[in-house]
Protein backbone atom coordinates (compact mmCIF):
# COMPACT_ATOMS: atom_id res chain seq x y z
CA MET A 1 -193.92 -41.84 72.25
CA ASP A 2 -190.89 -40.02 71.53
CA TYR A 3 -187.86 -40.03 73.93
CA ASP A 4 -183.94 -39.79 74.10
CA THR A 5 -182.30 -42.64 74.55
CA LYS A 6 -180.52 -43.02 77.72
CA PRO A 7 -177.98 -45.20 79.77
CA SER A 8 -180.48 -47.27 81.44
CA ALA A 9 -181.23 -50.40 83.78
CA CYS A 10 -183.54 -52.54 85.45
CA LEU A 11 -182.74 -52.76 89.24
CA VAL A 12 -183.60 -55.92 91.46
CA PHE A 13 -184.04 -53.94 94.93
CA PHE A 14 -185.09 -54.84 98.48
CA GLY A 15 -186.42 -52.08 100.65
CA VAL A 16 -188.40 -49.20 100.78
CA ARG A 17 -189.68 -46.69 97.72
CA TYR A 18 -190.52 -42.95 98.05
CA LEU A 19 -192.24 -41.01 95.51
CA SER A 20 -191.59 -37.22 95.24
CA ALA A 21 -192.36 -34.57 92.72
CA GLU A 22 -188.63 -33.51 92.80
CA ARG A 23 -185.67 -35.56 92.53
CA ALA A 24 -183.95 -36.14 96.05
CA ASP A 25 -180.76 -35.16 96.50
CA GLU A 26 -179.16 -38.35 97.83
CA GLU A 27 -176.74 -35.44 99.51
CA THR A 28 -179.05 -33.93 101.33
CA ASP A 29 -181.64 -35.38 101.80
CA PRO A 30 -182.65 -37.20 105.72
CA ARG A 31 -183.82 -40.30 104.22
CA ALA A 32 -180.90 -40.84 102.21
CA LYS A 33 -178.43 -39.40 104.62
CA ALA A 34 -179.81 -41.98 107.84
CA ALA A 35 -179.76 -44.76 104.94
CA GLU A 36 -176.18 -44.25 103.93
CA ALA A 37 -175.28 -43.81 107.85
CA HIS A 38 -176.23 -47.67 107.78
CA ASP A 39 -174.85 -48.79 104.65
CA LEU A 40 -177.91 -49.09 102.65
CA PHE A 41 -178.30 -48.59 98.90
CA VAL A 42 -179.59 -44.62 98.15
CA TRP A 43 -180.82 -44.50 94.45
CA SER A 44 -183.19 -41.10 93.18
CA GLY A 45 -184.64 -41.15 89.63
CA LYS A 46 -187.03 -41.70 87.33
CA ARG A 47 -188.57 -44.82 85.68
CA TYR A 48 -187.31 -45.25 81.68
CA PRO A 49 -189.12 -45.47 79.46
CA PRO A 50 -190.78 -42.32 80.67
CA ASN A 51 -194.47 -42.19 80.03
CA ASP A 52 -195.46 -38.88 81.30
CA PRO A 53 -193.38 -35.99 81.85
CA ALA A 54 -195.43 -35.41 85.47
CA GLU A 55 -194.64 -39.06 86.35
CA PRO A 56 -192.79 -38.83 89.94
CA TYR A 57 -189.38 -39.54 91.25
CA PHE A 58 -188.36 -42.39 93.11
CA LEU A 59 -186.26 -42.27 96.09
CA LEU A 60 -185.36 -46.18 96.96
CA ILE A 61 -183.86 -47.06 100.17
CA GLY A 62 -182.34 -50.79 101.04
CA GLU A 63 -180.74 -53.25 99.11
CA CYS A 64 -179.21 -53.59 95.51
CA ILE A 65 -179.93 -57.49 95.13
CA ASN A 66 -178.97 -57.08 91.20
CA HIS A 67 -179.39 -54.99 87.87
CA VAL A 68 -179.98 -55.57 84.73
CA ALA A 69 -178.31 -52.55 82.10
CA PHE A 70 -180.24 -52.58 78.44
CA ASP A 71 -176.77 -51.25 77.23
CA GLY A 72 -174.43 -53.95 77.34
CA SER A 73 -175.62 -56.81 80.09
CA CYS A 74 -179.33 -58.35 79.36
CA GLU A 75 -179.96 -61.01 82.01
CA ASP A 76 -178.27 -61.98 85.00
CA SER A 77 -179.21 -63.83 88.34
CA ALA A 78 -179.22 -63.67 92.15
CA GLU A 79 -178.61 -66.41 94.59
CA LEU A 80 -181.91 -67.56 95.65
CA GLY A 81 -180.35 -68.93 99.18
CA GLU A 82 -178.87 -65.56 99.51
CA LEU A 83 -182.04 -63.83 99.63
CA PRO A 84 -183.40 -64.57 103.31
CA GLU A 85 -179.78 -62.97 104.91
CA VAL A 86 -180.85 -60.12 102.36
CA ILE A 87 -184.29 -59.54 103.55
CA ARG A 88 -183.33 -60.24 107.29
CA SER A 89 -180.25 -57.50 107.29
CA THR A 90 -181.64 -55.00 105.20
CA THR A 91 -185.04 -55.12 107.37
CA ALA A 92 -182.62 -54.85 110.32
CA LYS A 93 -180.79 -52.01 108.98
CA LEU A 94 -183.77 -49.76 107.72
CA ALA A 95 -185.12 -50.34 111.38
CA GLN A 96 -182.15 -49.15 112.89
CA ALA A 97 -181.95 -46.17 110.21
CA GLY A 98 -185.34 -45.51 111.65
CA PHE A 99 -187.56 -46.27 108.99
CA THR A 100 -190.68 -47.67 109.64
CA GLU A 101 -192.49 -49.03 106.05
CA THR A 102 -192.45 -52.20 105.02
CA PRO A 103 -189.95 -53.10 103.08
CA GLU A 104 -190.80 -54.60 99.84
CA LEU A 105 -189.18 -56.80 96.93
CA TRP A 106 -188.89 -54.01 93.70
CA VAL A 107 -187.98 -54.43 90.00
CA GLN A 108 -187.67 -50.94 89.20
CA CYS A 109 -186.79 -49.80 85.64
CA LYS A 110 -184.16 -46.42 85.93
CA TYR A 111 -181.82 -44.11 84.26
CA ASP A 112 -179.62 -41.68 85.20
């Protein structure tokens, strides 16, 4: 498959993920605004490498635990002892912001 090489990374992320045919505008999307008002991480984009131009956009809301970029850093770790607090605090912030979906741990490849 042909695709342009772009700056990319994999996010290790705890929270909720939405799919859409169009990219969510992080400045105006009501979910993004509610998330940011509660100090939650927000990212909208597509997976990388793309398999199909019709693939959905992602809107991630929660906490970015870590990321590994293909354009430099190839590995990293997160402290296992910190994860229970990340899960607890992120779940609480999501509820305070009005999100009702059950948060999950995601590894998401992305590019900007």
